[in-house]
Amino acid sequence: MHFKSLFKPISLLFFALALIACSTTVTDPNIGREDFYQYAKWMDRMEVSLATVLDDQVMSAPAKGEPSPEVKETLSLAMNRQLDNNISTLKALNIRHVEVKQLKDMTLHMLTLSKQMMPLLAKKGAESDPKLAALEKEFDAEEQKSSALFRTLVQRFGLPQ
């Protein structure tokens, strides 16, 4: 009876410790280098995937004049699908280093802002939309911070070959 009464609290304690161990970020430079290289490789794949979607959509659009609302909508939907994929793959990265995790979180925020901007950009008169202007301002501020952190991490860890 005594053993059974101790089993539940002890097992809960071990479970809590396991959760803490899995979610704790670290500052170890070796882990930082590993995580940063993993992030940088993801970033390269993400940029290629977005460029491919953009190229595919531009090539299939009529070459004359301003794109039609249908073409803009198709591009917006295609980009949003790719952004969803990029968000999923970035979330799946197991980043443990505190600064690289911060960069990952900033990137997730920028991808989310991009998703919010896509439908607004597809609308006629988007350049005067105050919601779009606010999202762009927030995106630009986050991009400046993430670029500065990225440069710091490149100086510290280098780029993968």
C-alpha atoms as a PDB file:
ATOM      1  CA  MET A   1       0.000   0.000   0.000  1.00  0.00           C
ATOM      2  CA  HIS A   2       2.796   2.396   0.916  1.00  0.00           C
ATOM      3  CA  PHE A   3       4.598   1.833  -2.424  1.00  0.00           C
ATOM      4  CA  LYS A   4       1.434   2.521  -4.430  1.00  0.00           C
ATOM      5  CA  SER A   5       0.839   5.824  -2.655  1.00  0.00           C
ATOM      6  CA  LEU A   6       4.359   6.988  -3.578  1.00  0.00           C
ATOM      7  CA  PHE A   7       4.262   5.771  -7.170  1.00  0.00           C
ATOM      8  CA  LYS A   8       1.913   8.428  -8.551  1.00  0.00           C
ATOM      9  CA  PRO A   9       3.726  11.524  -7.131  1.00  0.00           C
ATOM     10  CA  ILE A  10       7.118  10.133  -8.131  1.00  0.00           C
ATOM     11  CA  SER A  11       5.969   9.309 -11.660  1.00  0.00           C
ATOM     12  CA  LEU A  12       4.478  12.817 -11.988  1.00  0.00           C
ATOM     13  CA  LEU A  13       7.775  14.300 -10.826  1.00  0.00           C
ATOM     14  CA  PHE A  14       9.724  12.318 -13.433  1.00  0.00           C
ATOM     15  CA  PHE A  15       7.239  13.342 -16.115  1.00  0.00           C
ATOM     16  CA  ALA A  16       7.583  17.023 -15.152  1.00  0.00           C
ATOM     17  CA  LEU A  17      11.386  16.773 -15.175  1.00  0.00           C
ATOM     18  CA  ALA A  18      11.299  15.151 -18.615  1.00  0.00           C
ATOM     19  CA  LEU A  19       9.113  17.965 -19.943  1.00  0.00           C
ATOM     20  CA  ILE A  20      11.442  20.590 -18.505  1.00  0.00           C
ATOM     21  CA  ALA A  21      14.487  18.852 -19.977  1.00  0.00           C
ATOM     22  CA  CYS A  22      12.860  18.707 -23.411  1.00  0.00           C
ATOM     23  CA  SER A  23      11.798  22.341 -23.435  1.00  0.00           C
ATOM     24  CA  THR A  24      14.855  23.986 -21.885  1.00  0.00           C
ATOM     25  CA  THR A  25      17.010  26.110 -24.149  1.00  0.00           C
ATOM     26  CA  VAL A  26      20.779  26.057 -23.843  1.00  0.00           C
ATOM     27  CA  THR A  27      23.711  28.370 -24.475  1.00  0.00           C
ATOM     28  CA  ASP A  28      26.313  25.709 -25.358  1.00  0.00           C
ATOM     29  CA  PRO A  29      28.208  26.989 -28.442  1.00  0.00           C
ATOM     30  CA  ASN A  30      28.428  23.511 -29.989  1.00  0.00           C
ATOM     31  CA  ILE A  31      24.660  23.112 -29.811  1.00  0.00           C
ATOM     32  CA  GLY A  32      24.335  26.692 -31.060  1.00  0.00           C
ATOM     33  CA  ARG A  33      26.427  25.894 -34.133  1.00  0.00           C
ATOM     34  CA  GLU A  34      24.414  22.725 -34.837  1.00  0.00           C
ATOM     35  CA  ASP A  35      21.112  24.545 -34.403  1.00  0.00           C
ATOM     36  CA  PHE A  36      22.208  27.542 -36.454  1.00  0.00           C
ATOM     37  CA  TYR A  37      23.365  25.329 -39.320  1.00  0.00           C
ATOM     38  CA  GLN A  38      20.048  23.487 -39.179  1.00  0.00           C
ATOM     39  CA  TYR A  39      18.204  26.840 -39.276  1.00  0.00           C
ATOM     40  CA  ALA A  40      20.380  28.218 -42.112  1.00  0.00           C
ATOM     41  CA  LYS A  41      19.772  25.114 -44.238  1.00  0.00           C
ATOM     42  CA  TRP A  42      16.032  25.413 -43.578  1.00  0.00           C
ATOM     43  CA  MET A  43      16.209  29.097 -44.583  1.00  0.00           C
ATOM     44  CA  ASP A  44      17.880  28.207 -47.896  1.00  0.00           C
ATOM     45  CA  ARG A  45      15.168  25.632 -48.660  1.00  0.00           C
ATOM     46  CA  MET A  46      12.438  28.104 -47.682  1.00  0.00           C
ATOM     47  CA  GLU A  47      13.788  30.827 -49.969  1.00  0.00           C
ATOM     48  CA  VAL A  48      14.018  28.395 -52.894  1.00  0.00           C
ATOM     49  CA  SER A  49      10.480  27.120 -52.296  1.00  0.00           C
ATOM     50  CA  LEU A  50       8.989  30.625 -52.237  1.00  0.00           C
ATOM     51  CA  ALA A  51      10.962  31.672 -55.323  1.00  0.00           C
ATOM     52  CA  THR A  52       9.767  28.552 -57.151  1.00  0.00           C
ATOM     53  CA  VAL A  53       6.120  29.294 -56.354  1.00  0.00           C
ATOM     54  CA  LEU A  54       6.566  32.895 -57.456  1.00  0.00           C
ATOM     55  CA  ASP A  55       8.321  31.877 -60.695  1.00  0.00           C
ATOM     56  CA  ASP A  56       5.645  29.284 -61.480  1.00  0.00           C
ATOM     57  CA  GLN A  57       2.857  31.794 -60.952  1.00  0.00           C
ATOM     58  CA  VAL A  58       4.569  34.594 -62.894  1.00  0.00           C
ATOM     59  CA  MET A  59       5.293  32.281 -65.831  1.00  0.00           C
ATOM     60  CA  SER A  60       1.663  31.189 -66.010  1.00  0.00           C
ATOM     61  CA  ALA A  61       0.302  34.768 -65.862  1.00  0.00           C
ATOM     62  CA  PRO A  62      -0.368  36.858 -68.963  1.00  0.00           C
ATOM     63  CA  ALA A  63       2.641  39.020 -69.834  1.00  0.00           C
ATOM     64  CA  LYS A  64       0.719  42.193 -70.639  1.00  0.00           C
ATOM     65  CA  GLY A  65      -0.140  44.962 -68.185  1.00  0.00           C
ATOM     66  CA  GLU A  66      -1.308  44.768 -64.600  1.00  0.00           C
ATOM     67  CA  PRO A  67      -2.145  41.234 -63.403  1.00  0.00           C
ATOM     68  CA  SER A  68      -5.858  40.535 -63.172  1.00  0.00           C
ATOM     69  CA  PRO A  69      -7.512  40.086 -59.767  1.00  0.00           C
ATOM     70  CA  GLU A  70      -7.789  36.363 -60.532  1.00  0.00           C
ATOM     71  CA  VAL A  71      -4.041  36.092 -61.166  1.00  0.00           C
ATOM     72  CA  LYS A  72      -3.305  38.010 -57.953  1.00  0.00           C
ATOM     73  CA  GLU A  73      -5.675  35.761 -56.015  1.00  0.00           C
ATOM     74  CA  THR A  74      -4.093  32.608 -57.465  1.00  0.00           C
ATOM     75  CA  LEU A  75      -0.625  33.874 -56.537  1.00  0.00           C
ATOM     76  CA  SER A  76      -1.819  34.772 -53.037  1.00  0.00           C
ATOM     77  CA  LEU A  77      -3.295  31.302 -52.502  1.00  0.00           C
ATOM     78  CA  ALA A  78      -0.172  29.562 -53.837  1.00  0.00           C
ATOM     79  CA  MET A  79       2.110  31.672 -51.653  1.00  0.00           C
ATOM     80  CA  ASN A  80      -0.071  31.061 -48.587  1.00  0.00           C
ATOM     81  CA  ARG A  81       0.072  27.296 -49.159  1.00  0.00           C
ATOM     82  CA  GLN A  82       3.861  27.488 -49.354  1.00  0.00           C
ATOM     83  CA  LEU A  83       4.023  29.753 -46.293  1.00  0.00           C
ATOM     84  CA  ASP A  84       1.925  27.188 -44.381  1.00  0.00           C
ATOM     85  CA  ASN A  85       4.381  24.492 -45.417  1.00  0.00           C
ATOM     86  CA  ASN A  86       7.359  26.631 -44.410  1.00  0.00           C
ATOM     87  CA  ILE A  87       5.785  27.415 -41.032  1.00  0.00           C
ATOM     88  CA  SER A  88       5.207  23.696 -40.410  1.00  0.00           C
ATOM     89  CA  THR A  89       8.747  22.713 -41.335  1.00  0.00           C
ATOM     90  CA  LEU A  90      10.244  25.523 -39.242  1.00  0.00           C
ATOM     91  CA  LYS A  91       8.149  24.556 -36.220  1.00  0.00           C
ATOM     92  CA  ALA A  92       9.396  20.974 -36.638  1.00  0.00           C
ATOM     93  CA  LEU A  93      13.050  22.014 -36.258  1.00  0.00           C
ATOM     94  CA  ASN A  94      14.404  20.963 -32.870  1.00  0.00           C
ATOM     95  CA  ILE A  95      16.188  24.189 -31.930  1.00  0.00           C
ATOM     96  CA  ARG A  96      17.657  24.173 -28.417  1.00  0.00           C
ATOM     97  CA  HIS A  97      20.082  27.109 -28.389  1.00  0.00           C
ATOM     98  CA  VAL A  98      18.534  30.214 -26.844  1.00  0.00           C
ATOM     99  CA  GLU A  99      19.599  32.709 -29.537  1.00  0.00           C
ATOM    100  CA  VAL A 100      18.871  30.417 -32.471  1.00  0.00           C
ATOM    101  CA  LYS A 101      15.457  29.715 -30.921  1.00  0.00           C
ATOM    102  CA  GLN A 102      14.899  33.468 -30.721  1.00  0.00           C
ATOM    103  CA  LEU A 103      15.746  33.734 -34.431  1.00  0.00           C
ATOM    104  CA  LYS A 104      13.395  30.848 -35.211  1.00  0.00           C
ATOM    105  CA  ASP A 105      10.581  32.571 -33.285  1.00  0.00           C
ATOM    106  CA  MET A 106      11.205  35.850 -35.115  1.00  0.00           C
ATOM    107  CA  THR A 107      11.090  34.015 -38.442  1.00  0.00           C
ATOM    108  CA  LEU A 108       7.825  32.304 -37.493  1.00  0.00           C
ATOM    109  CA  HIS A 109       6.384  35.706 -36.650  1.00  0.00           C
ATOM    110  CA  MET A 110       7.489  37.146 -40.007  1.00  0.00           C
ATOM    111  CA  LEU A 111       6.026  34.174 -41.896  1.00  0.00           C
ATOM    112  CA  THR A 112       2.735  34.649 -40.047  1.00  0.00           C
ATOM    113  CA  LEU A 113       2.744  38.358 -40.908  1.00  0.00           C
ATOM    114  CA  SER A 114       3.438  37.458 -44.547  1.00  0.00           C
ATOM    115  CA  LYS A 115       0.414  35.141 -44.538  1.00  0.00           C
ATOM    116  CA  GLN A 116      -1.721  37.985 -43.211  1.00  0.00           C
ATOM    117  CA  MET A 117      -0.412  40.372 -45.873  1.00  0.00           C
ATOM    118  CA  MET A 118      -0.939  38.068 -48.882  1.00  0.00           C
ATOM    119  CA  PRO A 119      -4.722  38.458 -49.225  1.00  0.00           C
ATOM    120  CA  LEU A 120      -4.440  42.212 -48.677  1.00  0.00           C
ATOM    121  CA  LEU A 121      -1.795  42.529 -51.397  1.00  0.00           C
ATOM    122  CA  ALA A 122      -4.094  40.744 -53.848  1.00  0.00           C
ATOM    123  CA  LYS A 123      -6.782  43.417 -53.467  1.00  0.00           C
ATOM    124  CA  LYS A 124      -7.047  46.448 -55.709  1.00  0.00           C
ATOM    125  CA  GLY A 125      -5.861  49.585 -53.913  1.00  0.00           C
ATOM    126  CA  ALA A 126      -3.812  47.576 -51.429  1.00  0.00           C
ATOM    127  CA  GLU A 127      -1.131  50.257 -51.218  1.00  0.00           C
ATOM    128  CA  SER A 128      -3.553  52.554 -49.338  1.00  0.00           C
ATOM    129  CA  ASP A 129      -4.860  49.887 -46.923  1.00  0.00           C
ATOM    130  CA  PRO A 130      -4.016  50.960 -43.336  1.00  0.00           C
ATOM    131  CA  LYS A 131      -4.071  47.339 -42.104  1.00  0.00           C
ATOM    132  CA  LEU A 132      -1.505  46.383 -44.740  1.00  0.00           C
ATOM    133  CA  ALA A 133       0.646  49.383 -43.802  1.00  0.00           C
ATOM    134  CA  ALA A 134       0.581  48.346 -40.131  1.00  0.00           C
ATOM    135  CA  LEU A 135       1.507  44.751 -40.995  1.00  0.00           C
ATOM    136  CA  GLU A 136       4.357  45.933 -43.237  1.00  0.00           C
ATOM    137  CA  LYS A 137       5.663  48.199 -40.481  1.00  0.00           C
ATOM    138  CA  GLU A 138       5.578  45.332 -37.970  1.00  0.00           C
ATOM    139  CA  PHE A 139       7.240  43.011 -40.507  1.00  0.00           C
ATOM    140  CA  ASP A 140      10.006  45.538 -41.250  1.00  0.00           C
ATOM    141  CA  ALA A 141      10.757  46.040 -37.546  1.00  0.00           C
ATOM    142  CA  GLU A 142      10.922  42.273 -36.955  1.00  0.00           C
ATOM    143  CA  GLU A 143      13.056  41.823 -40.078  1.00  0.00           C
ATOM    144  CA  GLN A 144      15.580  44.396 -38.840  1.00  0.00           C
ATOM    145  CA  LYS A 145      15.878  42.660 -35.462  1.00  0.00           C
ATOM    146  CA  SER A 146      16.138  39.190 -36.990  1.00  0.00           C
ATOM    147  CA  SER A 147      18.722  40.345 -39.560  1.00  0.00           C
ATOM    148  CA  ALA A 148      20.883  41.796 -36.794  1.00  0.00           C
ATOM    149  CA  LEU A 149      20.638  38.559 -34.807  1.00  0.00           C
ATOM    150  CA  PHE A 150      21.342  36.492 -37.937  1.00  0.00           C
ATOM    151  CA  ARG A 151      24.514  38.528 -38.627  1.00  0.00           C
ATOM    152  CA  THR A 152      25.624  38.047 -35.013  1.00  0.00           C
ATOM    153  CA  LEU A 153      25.104  34.293 -35.281  1.00  0.00           C
ATOM    154  CA  VAL A 154      26.941  34.139 -38.629  1.00  0.00           C
ATOM    155  CA  GLN A 155      29.909  35.891 -36.996  1.00  0.00           C
ATOM    156  CA  ARG A 156      29.820  33.487 -34.068  1.00  0.00           C
ATOM    157  CA  PHE A 157      29.116  30.189 -35.852  1.00  0.00           C
ATOM    158  CA  GLY A 158      29.785  30.791 -39.558  1.00  0.00           C
ATOM    159  CA  LEU A 159      27.558  29.417 -42.301  1.00  0.00           C
ATOM    160  CA  PRO A 160      27.204  25.750 -43.235  1.00  0.00           C
ATOM    161  CA  GLN A 161      29.165  24.605 -46.268  1.00  0.00           C
END
